[in-house]
Amino acid sequence: MTVGIFEVNFHFMANGYQTIVLGRPDLQVGGLQLWIHARQFPDSEDYWDGNWLMVTVRCCASGAEVWVKGPILHLSELHHWMA
């Protein structure tokens, strides 16, 4: 069985292009794929600061494809969504 590997180029104004090689998504629901990389502030003991996740998200539907990357998901939101 072949597992899809994604290689993505993200453009950042100050840094040029950054290439990220992704394996199998940590979460996939329909056309939504989510890769969790780390916590934004892993040493923080604050509930809000310490639970932001660095993620890459891909969403595909009806001929459209959107990729986003960054600290855009709070662990409490993921927990609530998965419950």
C-alpha atoms as a PDB file:
ATOM      1  CA  MET A   1       0.000   0.000   0.000  1.00  0.00           C
ATOM      2  CA  THR A   2       1.360   3.431  -0.913  1.00  0.00           C
ATOM      3  CA  VAL A   3       1.027   6.252   1.585  1.00  0.00           C
ATOM      4  CA  GLY A   4       0.726   9.710   0.056  1.00  0.00           C
ATOM      5  CA  ILE A   5       3.630  12.019   0.799  1.00  0.00           C
ATOM      6  CA  PHE A   6       3.086  15.711   0.257  1.00  0.00           C
ATOM      7  CA  GLU A   7       5.841  18.180  -0.565  1.00  0.00           C
ATOM      8  CA  VAL A   8       4.618  21.723  -0.142  1.00  0.00           C
ATOM      9  CA  ASN A   9       6.222  25.089  -0.864  1.00  0.00           C
ATOM     10  CA  PHE A  10       5.011  27.907   1.375  1.00  0.00           C
ATOM     11  CA  HIS A  11       5.842  31.509   0.512  1.00  0.00           C
ATOM     12  CA  PHE A  12       6.741  33.851   3.332  1.00  0.00           C
ATOM     13  CA  MET A  13       7.450  37.499   2.463  1.00  0.00           C
ATOM     14  CA  ALA A  14      10.627  37.782   4.543  1.00  0.00           C
ATOM     15  CA  ASN A  15      12.007  34.271   4.104  1.00  0.00           C
ATOM     16  CA  GLY A  16      11.337  33.338   0.483  1.00  0.00           C
ATOM     17  CA  TYR A  17      10.126  29.753   0.041  1.00  0.00           C
ATOM     18  CA  GLN A  18      10.143  27.009   2.639  1.00  0.00           C
ATOM     19  CA  THR A  19       9.723  23.389   1.514  1.00  0.00           C
ATOM     20  CA  ILE A  20       7.996  21.024   3.908  1.00  0.00           C
ATOM     21  CA  VAL A  21       7.710  17.272   3.305  1.00  0.00           C
ATOM     22  CA  LEU A  22       4.639  15.812   4.973  1.00  0.00           C
ATOM     23  CA  GLY A  23       3.765  12.182   5.591  1.00  0.00           C
ATOM     24  CA  ARG A  24       0.363  10.765   6.391  1.00  0.00           C
ATOM     25  CA  PRO A  25      -2.003  13.339   7.985  1.00  0.00           C
ATOM     26  CA  ASP A  26      -2.633  13.077  11.729  1.00  0.00           C
ATOM     27  CA  LEU A  27      -6.321  13.687  11.059  1.00  0.00           C
ATOM     28  CA  GLN A  28      -8.336  13.331   7.878  1.00  0.00           C
ATOM     29  CA  VAL A  29     -12.055  13.957   7.444  1.00  0.00           C
ATOM     30  CA  GLY A  30     -13.312  14.071   3.871  1.00  0.00           C
ATOM     31  CA  GLY A  31     -11.276  16.684   2.002  1.00  0.00           C
ATOM     32  CA  LEU A  32      -9.747  18.094   5.203  1.00  0.00           C
ATOM     33  CA  GLN A  33      -6.258  16.910   6.172  1.00  0.00           C
ATOM     34  CA  LEU A  34      -4.400  18.054   9.287  1.00  0.00           C
ATOM     35  CA  TRP A  35      -0.765  17.552  10.271  1.00  0.00           C
ATOM     36  CA  ILE A  36       0.234  18.443  13.842  1.00  0.00           C
ATOM     37  CA  HIS A  37       3.895  19.435  14.179  1.00  0.00           C
ATOM     38  CA  ALA A  38       4.352  20.748  17.741  1.00  0.00           C
ATOM     39  CA  ARG A  39       3.101  23.218  20.301  1.00  0.00           C
ATOM     40  CA  GLN A  40       3.871  26.842  19.526  1.00  0.00           C
ATOM     41  CA  PHE A  41       5.208  27.463  23.047  1.00  0.00           C
ATOM     42  CA  PRO A  42       6.059  24.005  24.455  1.00  0.00           C
ATOM     43  CA  ASP A  43       7.555  25.353  27.695  1.00  0.00           C
ATOM     44  CA  SER A  44       4.639  27.627  28.553  1.00  0.00           C
ATOM     45  CA  GLU A  45       2.612  26.767  31.640  1.00  0.00           C
ATOM     46  CA  ASP A  46      -0.162  29.175  30.656  1.00  0.00           C
ATOM     47  CA  TYR A  47      -3.324  27.414  29.448  1.00  0.00           C
ATOM     48  CA  TRP A  48      -3.806  29.659  26.419  1.00  0.00           C
ATOM     49  CA  ASP A  49      -0.178  30.128  25.349  1.00  0.00           C
ATOM     50  CA  GLY A  50       0.808  26.535  26.046  1.00  0.00           C
ATOM     51  CA  ASN A  51      -1.891  24.889  23.959  1.00  0.00           C
ATOM     52  CA  TRP A  52      -1.540  26.491  20.529  1.00  0.00           C
ATOM     53  CA  LEU A  53      -0.569  23.843  17.972  1.00  0.00           C
ATOM     54  CA  MET A  54       1.708  24.364  14.980  1.00  0.00           C
ATOM     55  CA  VAL A  55      -0.199  22.671  12.179  1.00  0.00           C
ATOM     56  CA  THR A  56      -0.430  22.336   8.420  1.00  0.00           C
ATOM     57  CA  VAL A  57      -3.940  22.027   7.017  1.00  0.00           C
ATOM     58  CA  ARG A  58      -5.078  21.127   3.513  1.00  0.00           C
ATOM     59  CA  CYS A  59      -8.690  21.391   2.414  1.00  0.00           C
ATOM     60  CA  CYS A  60      -9.887  20.229  -1.021  1.00  0.00           C
ATOM     61  CA  ALA A  61     -13.417  20.469  -2.392  1.00  0.00           C
ATOM     62  CA  SER A  62     -15.120  21.213  -5.704  1.00  0.00           C
ATOM     63  CA  GLY A  63     -11.939  21.944  -7.657  1.00  0.00           C
ATOM     64  CA  ALA A  64     -10.425  24.167  -4.957  1.00  0.00           C
ATOM     65  CA  GLU A  65      -7.408  23.483  -2.779  1.00  0.00           C
ATOM     66  CA  VAL A  66      -6.316  25.562   0.219  1.00  0.00           C
ATOM     67  CA  TRP A  67      -3.183  25.087   2.359  1.00  0.00           C
ATOM     68  CA  VAL A  68      -2.478  26.912   5.621  1.00  0.00           C
ATOM     69  CA  LYS A  69       0.342  26.554   8.119  1.00  0.00           C
ATOM     70  CA  GLY A  70       0.983  28.034  11.542  1.00  0.00           C
ATOM     71  CA  PRO A  71      -0.299  28.209  15.130  1.00  0.00           C
ATOM     72  CA  ILE A  72      -3.946  28.287  14.042  1.00  0.00           C
ATOM     73  CA  LEU A  73      -5.457  25.541  16.194  1.00  0.00           C
ATOM     74  CA  HIS A  74      -5.837  25.533  19.976  1.00  0.00           C
ATOM     75  CA  LEU A  75      -5.748  22.112  21.635  1.00  0.00           C
ATOM     76  CA  SER A  76      -9.088  22.836  23.366  1.00  0.00           C
ATOM     77  CA  GLU A  77     -10.726  23.325  19.946  1.00  0.00           C
ATOM     78  CA  LEU A  78      -9.361  20.032  18.677  1.00  0.00           C
ATOM     79  CA  HIS A  79     -10.484  18.283  21.866  1.00  0.00           C
ATOM     80  CA  HIS A  80     -13.975  19.766  21.594  1.00  0.00           C
ATOM     81  CA  TRP A  81     -14.227  18.842  17.901  1.00  0.00           C
ATOM     82  CA  MET A  82     -13.100  15.239  18.496  1.00  0.00           C
ATOM     83  CA  ALA A  83     -15.487  14.671  21.439  1.00  0.00           C
END
